[in-house]
Amino acid sequence: MEREEGHQWFKSSYSGGSGTECVEAAFIGGGAAVRDSKQPLQGQFRVSAETWAYFVRSVRAHELG
């Protein structure tokens, strides 16, 4: 985990150990931020708490293709 701008970033336990294809997420006021772990300074996108919760539920239910 890495701290940037006061946020604690984390990777999924399902991320590969090779360092490829990883994203990081951080909980921010009222939602979540997501970024590329290989290029953390290249920007991030932010979503509301509701959108993040919907995404996590969809992943867990294998609803994303």
C-alpha atoms as a PDB file:
ATOM      1  CA  MET A   1       0.000   0.000   0.000  1.00  0.00           C
ATOM      2  CA  GLU A   2       1.176   3.473  -0.779  1.00  0.00           C
ATOM      3  CA  ARG A   3       0.139   6.824   0.595  1.00  0.00           C
ATOM      4  CA  GLU A   4      -0.371   9.721  -1.761  1.00  0.00           C
ATOM      5  CA  GLU A   5      -2.283  12.897  -1.035  1.00  0.00           C
ATOM      6  CA  GLY A   6      -3.211  11.412   2.339  1.00  0.00           C
ATOM      7  CA  HIS A   7      -4.996   8.409   0.794  1.00  0.00           C
ATOM      8  CA  GLN A   8      -4.037   4.803   1.389  1.00  0.00           C
ATOM      9  CA  TRP A   9      -3.947   2.915  -1.928  1.00  0.00           C
ATOM     10  CA  PHE A  10      -4.477  -0.838  -2.087  1.00  0.00           C
ATOM     11  CA  LYS A  11      -4.429  -3.627  -4.672  1.00  0.00           C
ATOM     12  CA  SER A  12      -6.743  -6.596  -4.887  1.00  0.00           C
ATOM     13  CA  SER A  13      -5.493  -9.835  -3.377  1.00  0.00           C
ATOM     14  CA  TYR A  14      -6.242 -11.294  -6.826  1.00  0.00           C
ATOM     15  CA  SER A  15      -3.620  -9.083  -8.494  1.00  0.00           C
ATOM     16  CA  GLY A  16      -0.803 -11.010 -10.114  1.00  0.00           C
ATOM     17  CA  GLY A  17       2.638 -10.941  -8.557  1.00  0.00           C
ATOM     18  CA  SER A  18       4.340 -10.082 -11.842  1.00  0.00           C
ATOM     19  CA  GLY A  19       3.420  -6.404 -11.607  1.00  0.00           C
ATOM     20  CA  THR A  20       1.365  -6.368 -14.805  1.00  0.00           C
ATOM     21  CA  GLU A  21      -2.328  -5.604 -15.097  1.00  0.00           C
ATOM     22  CA  CYS A  22      -2.834  -4.155 -11.617  1.00  0.00           C
ATOM     23  CA  VAL A  23      -5.022  -1.309 -10.536  1.00  0.00           C
ATOM     24  CA  GLU A  24      -5.038   0.363  -7.155  1.00  0.00           C
ATOM     25  CA  ALA A  25      -7.949   1.915  -5.325  1.00  0.00           C
ATOM     26  CA  ALA A  26      -8.279   4.306  -2.415  1.00  0.00           C
ATOM     27  CA  PHE A  27     -11.288   5.363  -0.414  1.00  0.00           C
ATOM     28  CA  ILE A  28     -11.773   9.108  -0.635  1.00  0.00           C
ATOM     29  CA  GLY A  29     -14.381  11.410   0.775  1.00  0.00           C
ATOM     30  CA  GLY A  30     -17.683  10.073  -0.480  1.00  0.00           C
ATOM     31  CA  GLY A  31     -16.321   7.494  -2.909  1.00  0.00           C
ATOM     32  CA  ALA A  32     -13.265   5.791  -4.352  1.00  0.00           C
ATOM     33  CA  ALA A  33     -10.362   6.631  -6.658  1.00  0.00           C
ATOM     34  CA  VAL A  34      -8.813   4.124  -9.084  1.00  0.00           C
ATOM     35  CA  ARG A  35      -5.434   4.307 -10.835  1.00  0.00           C
ATOM     36  CA  ASP A  36      -2.909   2.210 -12.770  1.00  0.00           C
ATOM     37  CA  SER A  37      -0.398   0.750 -10.310  1.00  0.00           C
ATOM     38  CA  LYS A  38       2.400   0.891 -12.891  1.00  0.00           C
ATOM     39  CA  GLN A  39       1.860   4.604 -13.554  1.00  0.00           C
ATOM     40  CA  PRO A  40       0.363   6.082 -10.385  1.00  0.00           C
ATOM     41  CA  LEU A  41       1.248   9.659 -11.302  1.00  0.00           C
ATOM     42  CA  GLN A  42      -0.581   9.514 -14.652  1.00  0.00           C
ATOM     43  CA  GLY A  43      -3.921  10.269 -13.065  1.00  0.00           C
ATOM     44  CA  GLN A  44      -6.892   8.536 -11.556  1.00  0.00           C
ATOM     45  CA  PHE A  45     -10.609   8.453 -11.904  1.00  0.00           C
ATOM     46  CA  ARG A  46     -13.057   8.866  -9.072  1.00  0.00           C
ATOM     47  CA  VAL A  47     -16.459   7.348  -8.533  1.00  0.00           C
ATOM     48  CA  SER A  48     -19.181   7.794  -5.943  1.00  0.00           C
ATOM     49  CA  ALA A  49     -19.596   5.356  -3.062  1.00  0.00           C
ATOM     50  CA  GLU A  50     -22.727   3.973  -4.726  1.00  0.00           C
ATOM     51  CA  THR A  51     -20.922   3.354  -8.027  1.00  0.00           C
ATOM     52  CA  TRP A  52     -17.988   1.676  -6.257  1.00  0.00           C
ATOM     53  CA  ALA A  53     -20.345  -0.587  -4.281  1.00  0.00           C
ATOM     54  CA  TYR A  54     -22.205  -1.534  -7.486  1.00  0.00           C
ATOM     55  CA  PHE A  55     -18.901  -2.355  -9.210  1.00  0.00           C
ATOM     56  CA  VAL A  56     -17.690  -4.541  -6.324  1.00  0.00           C
ATOM     57  CA  ARG A  57     -21.038  -6.389  -6.150  1.00  0.00           C
ATOM     58  CA  SER A  58     -20.950  -6.979  -9.909  1.00  0.00           C
ATOM     59  CA  VAL A  59     -17.406  -8.358  -9.789  1.00  0.00           C
ATOM     60  CA  ARG A  60     -18.238 -10.684  -6.909  1.00  0.00           C
ATOM     61  CA  ALA A  61     -21.342 -11.940  -8.738  1.00  0.00           C
ATOM     62  CA  HIS A  62     -19.351 -12.503 -11.969  1.00  0.00           C
ATOM     63  CA  GLU A  63     -21.715 -10.146 -13.800  1.00  0.00           C
ATOM     64  CA  LEU A  64     -19.021  -8.307 -15.750  1.00  0.00           C
ATOM     65  CA  GLY A  65     -17.860  -9.677 -19.083  1.00  0.00           C
END
